[in-house]
Amino acid sequence: MIAEIQVIPRPAGTAEDRYKHVDAAIAVIQASGLRYEVHGLGTIVEGSPEKIWPLLQAVHQATLDAGAERTLSLIKVSGAAQAGGPRVEDLVGKFRK
């Protein structure tokens, strides 16, 4: 399964750390042990549905736990009927330099 999540916490951070709440969300993804790519407008994660679904919830919650007053999470999910499914590299590899 592939998932892309963009968290939009309000506020995004603090006066001292502009992206504190977003960074807290990314830290949860980094600690997951799953393959991921951070982009300017979201983060893509690859893994089994059993790992991805709880991770998405934890990423959203991490922004609130870090001090955000509220958070909007935009999520895209791609899954396949059979285990395995496509990987990010399968989908975009030919466009990378």
N, C-alpha and C. Protein backbone atom coordinates (compact mmCIF):
# COMPACT_ATOMS: atom_id res chain seq x y z
N MET A 1 0.84 -1.17 0.00
CA MET A 1 0.00 0.00 0.00
C MET A 1 0.89 1.23 0.00
N ILE A 2 0.41 2.25 -0.70
CA ILE A 2 1.08 3.55 -0.71
C ILE A 2 0.10 4.57 -0.14
N ALA A 3 0.59 5.41 0.74
CA ALA A 3 -0.24 6.50 1.27
C ALA A 3 0.56 7.79 1.22
N GLU A 4 -0.14 8.86 0.94
CA GLU A 4 0.46 10.18 1.02
C GLU A 4 -0.35 10.98 2.04
N ILE A 5 0.34 11.60 2.97
CA ILE A 5 -0.34 12.42 3.97
C ILE A 5 0.27 13.81 4.01
N GLN A 6 -0.60 14.78 4.04
CA GLN A 6 -0.21 16.17 4.24
C GLN A 6 -0.93 16.65 5.49
N VAL A 7 -0.19 17.06 6.49
CA VAL A 7 -0.81 17.61 7.69
C VAL A 7 -0.76 19.13 7.61
N ILE A 8 -1.86 19.75 8.00
CA ILE A 8 -1.95 21.21 7.99
C ILE A 8 -2.39 21.64 9.38
N PRO A 9 -1.43 21.67 10.32
CA PRO A 9 -1.77 22.08 11.67
C PRO A 9 -1.88 23.59 11.78
N ARG A 10 -2.68 24.03 12.71
CA ARG A 10 -2.79 25.45 13.01
C ARG A 10 -2.51 25.65 14.48
N PRO A 11 -1.54 26.40 14.82
CA PRO A 11 -0.51 26.93 13.93
C PRO A 11 0.44 25.82 13.48
N ALA A 12 1.24 26.13 12.45
CA ALA A 12 2.18 25.14 11.93
C ALA A 12 3.32 24.86 12.90
N GLY A 13 3.59 25.81 13.76
CA GLY A 13 4.68 25.67 14.72
C GLY A 13 4.60 26.77 15.76
N THR A 14 5.75 27.11 16.28
CA THR A 14 5.83 28.15 17.30
C THR A 14 6.73 29.28 16.81
N ALA A 15 6.81 30.34 17.57
CA ALA A 15 7.68 31.45 17.19
C ALA A 15 9.13 31.00 17.13
N GLU A 16 9.51 30.08 18.01
CA GLU A 16 10.89 29.59 18.06
C GLU A 16 11.17 28.50 17.02
N ASP A 17 10.14 27.74 16.66
CA ASP A 17 10.31 26.61 15.74
C ASP A 17 9.13 26.62 14.76
N ARG A 18 9.33 27.24 13.63
CA ARG A 18 8.27 27.54 12.67
C ARG A 18 7.45 26.32 12.24
N TYR A 19 8.09 25.14 12.15
CA TYR A 19 7.40 23.94 11.67
C TYR A 19 7.36 22.84 12.72
N LYS A 20 7.34 23.21 13.97
CA LYS A 20 7.39 22.24 15.07
C LYS A 20 6.33 21.15 14.94
N HIS A 21 5.10 21.51 14.65
CA HIS A 21 4.02 20.54 14.62
C HIS A 21 4.11 19.62 13.40
N VAL A 22 4.54 20.16 12.28
CA VAL A 22 4.76 19.35 11.09
C VAL A 22 5.94 18.40 11.32
N ASP A 23 7.00 18.92 11.91
CA ASP A 23 8.18 18.08 12.19
C ASP A 23 7.82 16.93 13.13
N ALA A 24 6.91 17.15 14.06
CA ALA A 24 6.48 16.08 14.96
C ALA A 24 5.79 14.97 14.18
N ALA A 25 5.01 15.34 13.18
CA ALA A 25 4.34 14.35 12.34
C ALA A 25 5.36 13.54 11.54
N ILE A 26 6.33 14.22 10.97
CA ILE A 26 7.36 13.54 10.18
C ILE A 26 8.19 12.61 11.07
N ALA A 27 8.43 13.00 12.30
CA ALA A 27 9.20 12.16 13.23
C ALA A 27 8.49 10.83 13.48
N VAL A 28 7.17 10.85 13.53
CA VAL A 28 6.41 9.60 13.71
C VAL A 28 6.61 8.69 12.50
N ILE A 29 6.60 9.27 11.32
CA ILE A 29 6.83 8.48 10.10
C ILE A 29 8.25 7.92 10.10
N GLN A 30 9.23 8.74 10.45
CA GLN A 30 10.62 8.27 10.50
C GLN A 30 10.79 7.11 11.47
N ALA A 31 10.10 7.16 12.59
CA ALA A 31 10.23 6.12 13.61
C ALA A 31 9.48 4.84 13.24
N SER A 32 8.65 4.89 12.21
CA SER A 32 7.83 3.73 11.85
C SER A 32 8.64 2.59 11.25
N GLY A 33 9.80 2.90 10.69
CA GLY A 33 10.59 1.87 10.02
C GLY A 33 10.13 1.58 8.61
N LEU A 34 9.09 2.27 8.14
CA LEU A 34 8.59 2.07 6.78
C LEU A 34 9.35 2.96 5.80
N ARG A 35 9.29 2.58 4.54
CA ARG A 35 9.91 3.39 3.49
C ARG A 35 9.06 4.65 3.31
N TYR A 36 9.72 5.81 3.23
CA TYR A 36 8.98 7.07 3.10
C TYR A 36 9.80 8.07 2.31
N GLU A 37 9.10 9.06 1.77
CA GLU A 37 9.73 10.19 1.08
C GLU A 37 9.03 11.46 1.54
N VAL A 38 9.80 12.41 2.06
CA VAL A 38 9.25 13.70 2.45
C VAL A 38 9.33 14.64 1.26
N HIS A 39 8.21 15.27 0.95
CA HIS A 39 8.14 16.25 -0.13
C HIS A 39 7.65 17.57 0.44
N GLY A 40 7.67 18.61 -0.35
CA GLY A 40 7.28 19.93 0.12
C GLY A 40 5.83 20.05 0.55
N LEU A 41 4.96 19.22 -0.02
CA LEU A 41 3.53 19.33 0.27
C LEU A 41 2.95 18.05 0.85
N GLY A 42 3.78 17.18 1.35
CA GLY A 42 3.28 15.93 1.93
C GLY A 42 4.37 14.89 1.99
N THR A 43 4.03 13.77 2.60
CA THR A 43 4.98 12.66 2.74
C THR A 43 4.32 11.38 2.25
N ILE A 44 5.06 10.60 1.47
CA ILE A 44 4.59 9.33 0.95
C ILE A 44 5.20 8.21 1.79
N VAL A 45 4.36 7.22 2.11
CA VAL A 45 4.80 6.09 2.92
C VAL A 45 4.36 4.81 2.22
N GLU A 46 5.22 3.78 2.25
CA GLU A 46 4.89 2.48 1.69
C GLU A 46 4.90 1.44 2.79
N GLY A 47 3.94 0.52 2.75
CA GLY A 47 3.92 -0.56 3.73
C GLY A 47 2.62 -1.33 3.64
N SER A 48 2.45 -2.26 4.56
CA SER A 48 1.23 -3.06 4.59
C SER A 48 0.08 -2.22 5.15
N PRO A 49 -1.15 -2.53 4.76
CA PRO A 49 -2.29 -1.80 5.31
C PRO A 49 -2.33 -1.83 6.84
N GLU A 50 -1.92 -2.95 7.42
CA GLU A 50 -1.92 -3.09 8.87
C GLU A 50 -0.98 -2.11 9.55
N LYS A 51 0.03 -1.65 8.83
CA LYS A 51 0.97 -0.66 9.39
C LYS A 51 0.62 0.76 8.96
N ILE A 52 0.12 0.90 7.74
CA ILE A 52 -0.16 2.24 7.21
C ILE A 52 -1.33 2.91 7.92
N TRP A 53 -2.46 2.21 8.08
CA TRP A 53 -3.65 2.85 8.66
C TRP A 53 -3.40 3.40 10.06
N PRO A 54 -2.83 2.61 10.98
CA PRO A 54 -2.56 3.18 12.30
C PRO A 54 -1.52 4.31 12.25
N LEU A 55 -0.57 4.21 11.32
CA LEU A 55 0.44 5.26 11.19
C LEU A 55 -0.20 6.58 10.80
N LEU A 56 -1.14 6.55 9.86
CA LEU A 56 -1.81 7.78 9.44
C LEU A 56 -2.51 8.46 10.61
N GLN A 57 -3.15 7.67 11.44
CA GLN A 57 -3.81 8.23 12.63
C GLN A 57 -2.78 8.82 13.59
N ALA A 58 -1.67 8.10 13.78
CA ALA A 58 -0.62 8.57 14.69
C ALA A 58 0.03 9.86 14.18
N VAL A 59 0.20 9.97 12.88
CA VAL A 59 0.80 11.18 12.29
C VAL A 59 -0.11 12.38 12.54
N HIS A 60 -1.39 12.21 12.32
CA HIS A 60 -2.36 13.28 12.57
C HIS A 60 -2.32 13.69 14.05
N GLN A 61 -2.35 12.69 14.92
CA GLN A 61 -2.37 12.95 16.36
C GLN A 61 -1.09 13.62 16.84
N ALA A 62 0.03 13.31 16.20
CA ALA A 62 1.33 13.87 16.61
C ALA A 62 1.33 15.39 16.54
N THR A 63 0.64 15.95 15.56
CA THR A 63 0.60 17.41 15.46
C THR A 63 -0.14 18.02 16.64
N LEU A 64 -1.21 17.38 17.06
CA LEU A 64 -1.99 17.87 18.20
C LEU A 64 -1.20 17.69 19.50
N ASP A 65 -0.54 16.54 19.62
CA ASP A 65 0.27 16.29 20.81
C ASP A 65 1.43 17.28 20.92
N ALA A 66 1.91 17.77 19.77
CA ALA A 66 3.02 18.72 19.75
C ALA A 66 2.57 20.14 20.07
N GLY A 67 1.25 20.36 20.14
CA GLY A 67 0.77 21.67 20.53
C GLY A 67 -0.13 22.39 19.54
N ALA A 68 -0.40 21.78 18.39
CA ALA A 68 -1.30 22.43 17.43
C ALA A 68 -2.70 22.52 18.04
N GLU A 69 -3.39 23.60 17.75
CA GLU A 69 -4.75 23.78 18.25
C GLU A 69 -5.73 22.91 17.48
N ARG A 70 -5.45 22.71 16.19
CA ARG A 70 -6.27 21.86 15.33
C ARG A 70 -5.42 21.43 14.14
N THR A 71 -5.87 20.38 13.47
CA THR A 71 -5.11 19.87 12.33
C THR A 71 -6.06 19.33 11.27
N LEU A 72 -5.76 19.64 10.03
CA LEU A 72 -6.43 19.05 8.88
C LEU A 72 -5.41 18.14 8.22
N SER A 73 -5.78 16.88 7.99
CA SER A 73 -4.89 15.94 7.30
C SER A 73 -5.53 15.54 5.98
N LEU A 74 -4.77 15.70 4.90
CA LEU A 74 -5.21 15.28 3.57
C LEU A 74 -4.48 13.98 3.26
N ILE A 75 -5.25 12.94 2.95
CA ILE A 75 -4.68 11.61 2.79
C ILE A 75 -5.11 11.02 1.45
N LYS A 76 -4.14 10.46 0.73
CA LYS A 76 -4.40 9.68 -0.48
C LYS A 76 -3.87 8.28 -0.22
N VAL A 77 -4.64 7.26 -0.61
CA VAL A 77 -4.24 5.88 -0.37
C VAL A 77 -4.41 5.09 -1.65
N SER A 78 -3.40 4.29 -1.97
CA SER A 78 -3.47 3.38 -3.11
C SER A 78 -3.17 1.98 -2.60
N GLY A 79 -4.14 1.09 -2.80
CA GLY A 79 -3.95 -0.29 -2.37
C GLY A 79 -4.30 -1.24 -3.51
N ALA A 80 -3.88 -2.47 -3.38
CA ALA A 80 -4.15 -3.48 -4.39
C ALA A 80 -4.84 -4.67 -3.75
N ALA A 81 -5.61 -5.41 -4.55
CA ALA A 81 -6.31 -6.59 -4.04
C ALA A 81 -5.31 -7.66 -3.60
N GLN A 82 -4.20 -7.75 -4.29
CA GLN A 82 -3.17 -8.72 -3.95
C GLN A 82 -2.08 -8.06 -3.13
N ALA A 83 -1.47 -8.82 -2.26
CA ALA A 83 -0.35 -8.29 -1.46
C ALA A 83 0.76 -7.83 -2.40
N GLY A 84 1.45 -6.84 -1.99
CA GLY A 84 2.55 -6.30 -2.79
C GLY A 84 2.17 -4.99 -3.43
N GLY A 85 1.39 -5.04 -4.48
CA GLY A 85 0.96 -3.82 -5.15
C GLY A 85 2.14 -3.01 -5.66
N PRO A 86 1.86 -1.90 -6.33
CA PRO A 86 2.94 -1.07 -6.86
C PRO A 86 3.67 -0.33 -5.74
N ARG A 87 4.91 -0.01 -6.04
CA ARG A 87 5.71 0.82 -5.14
C ARG A 87 5.85 2.19 -5.79
N VAL A 88 6.26 3.15 -5.01
CA VAL A 88 6.46 4.50 -5.53
C VAL A 88 7.45 4.46 -6.69
N GLU A 89 8.51 3.71 -6.54
CA GLU A 89 9.53 3.61 -7.59
C GLU A 89 8.93 3.07 -8.89
N ASP A 90 8.00 2.13 -8.79
CA ASP A 90 7.34 1.59 -9.98
C ASP A 90 6.55 2.67 -10.71
N LEU A 91 5.97 3.58 -9.96
CA LEU A 91 5.11 4.61 -10.53
C LEU A 91 5.86 5.81 -11.09
N VAL A 92 6.96 6.19 -10.46
CA VAL A 92 7.64 7.43 -10.86
C VAL A 92 9.11 7.25 -11.21
N GLY A 93 9.62 6.05 -11.12
CA GLY A 93 11.04 5.82 -11.35
C GLY A 93 11.55 6.34 -12.68
N LYS A 94 10.76 6.20 -13.73
CA LYS A 94 11.22 6.63 -15.05
C LYS A 94 11.34 8.15 -15.17
N PHE A 95 10.75 8.89 -14.22
CA PHE A 95 10.82 10.34 -14.26
C PHE A 95 11.94 10.91 -13.40
N ARG A 96 12.59 10.05 -12.65
CA ARG A 96 13.68 10.51 -11.78
C ARG A 96 14.98 10.51 -12.54
N LYS A 97 15.84 11.46 -12.21
CA LYS A 97 17.15 11.55 -12.87
C LYS A 97 18.14 10.67 -12.16
